[in-house]
Amino acid sequence: MRDDLKVLDVSGHDWMADPCSQEIWLIQQPGQLTRYHPAQQEITRVLYLQQDCANVWVGFIDSAVESGGCVARRIRGALEATPANG
């Protein structure tokens, strides 16, 4: 703890009342992750990268990092498997 610092103000936000979010973090229903998990693993033109479809710590920054790493590895693998032009 530092004695030379003084808190001047604090604030918060009511995410439940916010018309754009109407919630706080994602709370998945039973079976929701396993139902959509195969779509995350498919190699398509659309790759899902976000905290709410990660495999761990869904809804937290850890899940965004995990999801980003998975998608980056998939992109790298797809690029390495594509023959170079020229």
N, C-alpha and C. Protein backbone atom coordinates (compact mmCIF):
# COMPACT_ATOMS: atom_id res chain seq x y z
N MET A 1 0.83 -1.17 0.00
CA MET A 1 0.00 0.00 0.00
C MET A 1 0.88 1.24 0.00
N ARG A 2 0.45 2.27 -0.73
CA ARG A 2 1.26 3.49 -0.83
C ARG A 2 0.56 4.64 -0.14
N ASP A 3 1.27 5.29 0.74
CA ASP A 3 0.73 6.43 1.47
C ASP A 3 0.75 7.72 0.65
N ASP A 4 1.54 7.76 -0.43
CA ASP A 4 1.66 8.98 -1.21
C ASP A 4 0.60 9.11 -2.31
N LEU A 5 -0.31 8.13 -2.41
CA LEU A 5 -1.37 8.18 -3.41
C LEU A 5 -2.71 8.42 -2.75
N LYS A 6 -3.56 9.16 -3.43
CA LYS A 6 -4.88 9.46 -2.90
C LYS A 6 -5.92 9.15 -3.99
N VAL A 7 -6.92 8.36 -3.65
CA VAL A 7 -8.00 8.06 -4.60
C VAL A 7 -8.89 9.29 -4.71
N LEU A 8 -9.02 9.80 -5.92
CA LEU A 8 -9.83 11.00 -6.14
C LEU A 8 -11.26 10.67 -6.53
N ASP A 9 -11.44 9.54 -7.21
CA ASP A 9 -12.78 9.22 -7.68
C ASP A 9 -12.82 7.73 -8.08
N VAL A 10 -13.96 7.15 -8.01
CA VAL A 10 -14.19 5.80 -8.50
C VAL A 10 -15.51 5.80 -9.26
N SER A 11 -15.69 4.84 -10.14
CA SER A 11 -16.96 4.75 -10.86
C SER A 11 -17.24 3.30 -11.19
N GLY A 12 -18.42 3.06 -11.61
CA GLY A 12 -18.83 1.73 -12.02
C GLY A 12 -19.86 1.86 -13.13
N HIS A 13 -20.30 0.74 -13.64
CA HIS A 13 -21.29 0.75 -14.71
C HIS A 13 -22.27 -0.39 -14.49
N ASP A 14 -23.53 -0.13 -14.63
CA ASP A 14 -24.57 -1.15 -14.48
C ASP A 14 -24.76 -1.84 -15.82
N TRP A 15 -23.99 -2.90 -16.07
CA TRP A 15 -24.05 -3.59 -17.35
C TRP A 15 -25.38 -4.28 -17.56
N MET A 16 -26.04 -4.69 -16.50
CA MET A 16 -27.35 -5.34 -16.63
C MET A 16 -28.39 -4.36 -17.18
N ALA A 17 -28.27 -3.08 -16.81
CA ALA A 17 -29.23 -2.07 -17.27
C ALA A 17 -28.80 -1.43 -18.60
N ASP A 18 -27.60 -1.71 -19.04
CA ASP A 18 -27.09 -1.13 -20.29
C ASP A 18 -27.87 -1.73 -21.46
N PRO A 19 -28.51 -0.91 -22.30
CA PRO A 19 -29.31 -1.45 -23.40
C PRO A 19 -28.49 -2.18 -24.46
N CYS A 20 -27.20 -1.92 -24.53
CA CYS A 20 -26.37 -2.59 -25.52
C CYS A 20 -25.86 -3.95 -25.05
N SER A 21 -25.71 -4.14 -23.75
CA SER A 21 -25.18 -5.41 -23.26
C SER A 21 -26.26 -6.26 -22.60
N GLN A 22 -27.03 -5.67 -21.73
CA GLN A 22 -28.10 -6.34 -20.97
C GLN A 22 -27.60 -7.57 -20.21
N GLU A 23 -26.34 -7.59 -19.93
CA GLU A 23 -25.78 -8.71 -19.16
C GLU A 23 -24.39 -8.34 -18.68
N ILE A 24 -23.77 -9.25 -17.97
CA ILE A 24 -22.40 -9.05 -17.56
C ILE A 24 -21.54 -9.99 -18.38
N TRP A 25 -21.00 -11.05 -17.86
CA TRP A 25 -20.19 -11.96 -18.65
C TRP A 25 -21.06 -13.13 -19.10
N LEU A 26 -20.54 -13.86 -20.06
CA LEU A 26 -21.26 -15.00 -20.62
C LEU A 26 -21.36 -16.11 -19.59
N ILE A 27 -22.54 -16.62 -19.43
CA ILE A 27 -22.76 -17.81 -18.62
C ILE A 27 -23.44 -18.81 -19.54
N GLN A 28 -22.70 -19.85 -19.92
CA GLN A 28 -23.24 -20.81 -20.87
C GLN A 28 -24.22 -21.75 -20.22
N GLN A 29 -25.19 -22.14 -21.00
CA GLN A 29 -26.17 -23.13 -20.54
C GLN A 29 -25.54 -24.51 -20.63
N PRO A 30 -26.07 -25.48 -19.89
CA PRO A 30 -25.53 -26.83 -19.98
C PRO A 30 -25.55 -27.33 -21.43
N GLY A 31 -24.43 -27.84 -21.89
CA GLY A 31 -24.31 -28.38 -23.23
C GLY A 31 -23.99 -27.37 -24.31
N GLN A 32 -24.02 -26.08 -23.99
CA GLN A 32 -23.81 -25.06 -25.01
C GLN A 32 -22.40 -25.11 -25.60
N LEU A 33 -21.39 -25.24 -24.78
CA LEU A 33 -20.02 -25.28 -25.28
C LEU A 33 -19.79 -26.52 -26.13
N THR A 34 -20.25 -27.67 -25.67
CA THR A 34 -20.03 -28.89 -26.43
C THR A 34 -20.85 -28.92 -27.72
N ARG A 35 -21.97 -28.23 -27.74
CA ARG A 35 -22.80 -28.19 -28.95
C ARG A 35 -22.12 -27.38 -30.05
N TYR A 36 -21.46 -26.29 -29.69
CA TYR A 36 -20.85 -25.42 -30.68
C TYR A 36 -19.34 -25.64 -30.84
N HIS A 37 -18.75 -26.45 -30.00
CA HIS A 37 -17.31 -26.68 -30.06
C HIS A 37 -16.83 -27.18 -31.42
N PRO A 38 -17.53 -28.12 -32.08
CA PRO A 38 -17.07 -28.59 -33.38
C PRO A 38 -16.95 -27.47 -34.42
N ALA A 39 -17.82 -26.47 -34.37
CA ALA A 39 -17.75 -25.36 -35.32
C ALA A 39 -16.46 -24.56 -35.15
N GLN A 40 -15.94 -24.52 -33.92
CA GLN A 40 -14.68 -23.82 -33.67
C GLN A 40 -13.51 -24.54 -34.33
N GLN A 41 -13.61 -25.84 -34.49
CA GLN A 41 -12.49 -26.63 -34.95
C GLN A 41 -12.44 -26.77 -36.47
N GLU A 42 -13.52 -26.43 -37.15
CA GLU A 42 -13.58 -26.59 -38.60
C GLU A 42 -12.66 -25.59 -39.30
N ILE A 43 -12.05 -26.04 -40.36
CA ILE A 43 -11.24 -25.15 -41.19
C ILE A 43 -12.15 -24.61 -42.28
N THR A 44 -12.51 -23.37 -42.17
CA THR A 44 -13.37 -22.71 -43.15
C THR A 44 -12.79 -21.34 -43.45
N ARG A 45 -13.47 -20.58 -44.24
CA ARG A 45 -13.04 -19.22 -44.53
C ARG A 45 -13.32 -18.28 -43.36
N VAL A 46 -14.18 -18.71 -42.45
CA VAL A 46 -14.52 -17.90 -41.28
C VAL A 46 -13.94 -18.57 -40.04
N LEU A 47 -13.10 -17.85 -39.33
CA LEU A 47 -12.53 -18.36 -38.08
C LEU A 47 -13.07 -17.52 -36.93
N TYR A 48 -13.53 -18.18 -35.90
CA TYR A 48 -14.11 -17.49 -34.76
C TYR A 48 -13.04 -17.21 -33.72
N LEU A 49 -12.90 -15.94 -33.41
CA LEU A 49 -11.92 -15.51 -32.43
C LEU A 49 -12.60 -14.54 -31.48
N GLN A 50 -12.88 -15.00 -30.30
CA GLN A 50 -13.46 -14.13 -29.29
C GLN A 50 -13.46 -14.84 -27.95
N GLN A 51 -13.68 -14.09 -26.92
CA GLN A 51 -13.63 -14.66 -25.58
C GLN A 51 -14.81 -15.58 -25.29
N ASP A 52 -15.93 -15.39 -25.96
CA ASP A 52 -17.11 -16.18 -25.63
C ASP A 52 -17.19 -17.51 -26.35
N CYS A 53 -16.22 -17.82 -27.19
CA CYS A 53 -16.23 -19.14 -27.84
C CYS A 53 -14.91 -19.86 -27.60
N ALA A 54 -14.18 -19.45 -26.60
CA ALA A 54 -12.91 -20.10 -26.27
C ALA A 54 -13.18 -21.41 -25.53
N ASN A 55 -12.14 -22.19 -25.37
CA ASN A 55 -12.27 -23.48 -24.70
C ASN A 55 -12.04 -23.39 -23.19
N VAL A 56 -11.44 -22.31 -22.72
CA VAL A 56 -11.18 -22.15 -21.29
C VAL A 56 -11.54 -20.73 -20.85
N TRP A 57 -11.89 -20.58 -19.61
CA TRP A 57 -12.14 -19.29 -18.99
C TRP A 57 -13.04 -18.38 -19.83
N VAL A 58 -14.12 -18.95 -20.34
CA VAL A 58 -15.02 -18.21 -21.22
C VAL A 58 -15.50 -16.92 -20.54
N GLY A 59 -15.41 -15.82 -21.28
CA GLY A 59 -15.86 -14.53 -20.79
C GLY A 59 -14.78 -13.71 -20.11
N PHE A 60 -13.59 -14.23 -20.00
CA PHE A 60 -12.50 -13.51 -19.34
C PHE A 60 -11.38 -13.25 -20.34
N ILE A 61 -10.45 -12.38 -19.99
CA ILE A 61 -9.34 -12.04 -20.87
C ILE A 61 -8.52 -13.28 -21.22
N ASP A 62 -8.41 -14.22 -20.30
CA ASP A 62 -7.67 -15.46 -20.56
C ASP A 62 -8.25 -16.20 -21.76
N SER A 63 -9.58 -16.17 -21.88
CA SER A 63 -10.21 -16.87 -22.99
C SER A 63 -9.96 -16.15 -24.31
N ALA A 64 -9.86 -14.83 -24.30
CA ALA A 64 -9.54 -14.08 -25.52
C ALA A 64 -8.12 -14.43 -25.97
N VAL A 65 -7.20 -14.54 -25.04
CA VAL A 65 -5.82 -14.91 -25.36
C VAL A 65 -5.77 -16.34 -25.91
N GLU A 66 -6.48 -17.26 -25.25
CA GLU A 66 -6.50 -18.65 -25.70
C GLU A 66 -7.12 -18.76 -27.08
N SER A 67 -8.23 -18.09 -27.31
CA SER A 67 -8.90 -18.12 -28.59
C SER A 67 -8.01 -17.53 -29.69
N GLY A 68 -7.34 -16.42 -29.39
CA GLY A 68 -6.44 -15.79 -30.35
C GLY A 68 -5.28 -16.69 -30.73
N GLY A 69 -4.72 -17.36 -29.75
CA GLY A 69 -3.61 -18.28 -30.01
C GLY A 69 -4.04 -19.45 -30.88
N CYS A 70 -5.22 -20.00 -30.60
CA CYS A 70 -5.72 -21.13 -31.41
C CYS A 70 -5.95 -20.71 -32.85
N VAL A 71 -6.58 -19.57 -33.05
CA VAL A 71 -6.86 -19.11 -34.41
C VAL A 71 -5.56 -18.75 -35.13
N ALA A 72 -4.62 -18.14 -34.45
CA ALA A 72 -3.33 -17.80 -35.07
C ALA A 72 -2.61 -19.07 -35.53
N ARG A 73 -2.63 -20.13 -34.71
CA ARG A 73 -1.99 -21.38 -35.10
C ARG A 73 -2.69 -22.01 -36.31
N ARG A 74 -4.01 -21.90 -36.36
CA ARG A 74 -4.74 -22.45 -37.50
C ARG A 74 -4.43 -21.67 -38.78
N ILE A 75 -4.34 -20.36 -38.67
CA ILE A 75 -4.00 -19.55 -39.85
C ILE A 75 -2.59 -19.87 -40.32
N ARG A 76 -1.65 -19.95 -39.39
CA ARG A 76 -0.27 -20.28 -39.75
C ARG A 76 -0.20 -21.65 -40.43
N GLY A 77 -0.91 -22.62 -39.88
CA GLY A 77 -0.91 -23.95 -40.48
C GLY A 77 -1.50 -23.95 -41.88
N ALA A 78 -2.58 -23.18 -42.08
CA ALA A 78 -3.20 -23.11 -43.40
C ALA A 78 -2.26 -22.42 -44.39
N LEU A 79 -1.57 -21.38 -43.95
CA LEU A 79 -0.63 -20.68 -44.84
C LEU A 79 0.56 -21.55 -45.19
N GLU A 80 1.05 -22.31 -44.22
CA GLU A 80 2.19 -23.19 -44.47
C GLU A 80 1.81 -24.34 -45.41
N ALA A 81 0.54 -24.74 -45.40
CA ALA A 81 0.09 -25.84 -46.25
C ALA A 81 -0.23 -25.38 -47.67
N THR A 82 -0.31 -24.07 -47.88
CA THR A 82 -0.64 -23.53 -49.20
C THR A 82 0.64 -23.34 -50.00
N PRO A 83 0.69 -23.91 -51.21
CA PRO A 83 1.90 -23.74 -52.04
C PRO A 83 2.12 -22.27 -52.39
N ALA A 84 3.37 -21.86 -52.41
CA ALA A 84 3.70 -20.48 -52.75
C ALA A 84 3.51 -20.26 -54.24
N ASN A 85 3.01 -19.09 -54.58
CA ASN A 85 2.86 -18.73 -56.00
C ASN A 85 4.21 -18.27 -56.56
N GLY A 86 4.48 -18.63 -57.80
CA GLY A 86 5.67 -18.08 -58.42
C GLY A 86 6.64 -19.05 -58.85
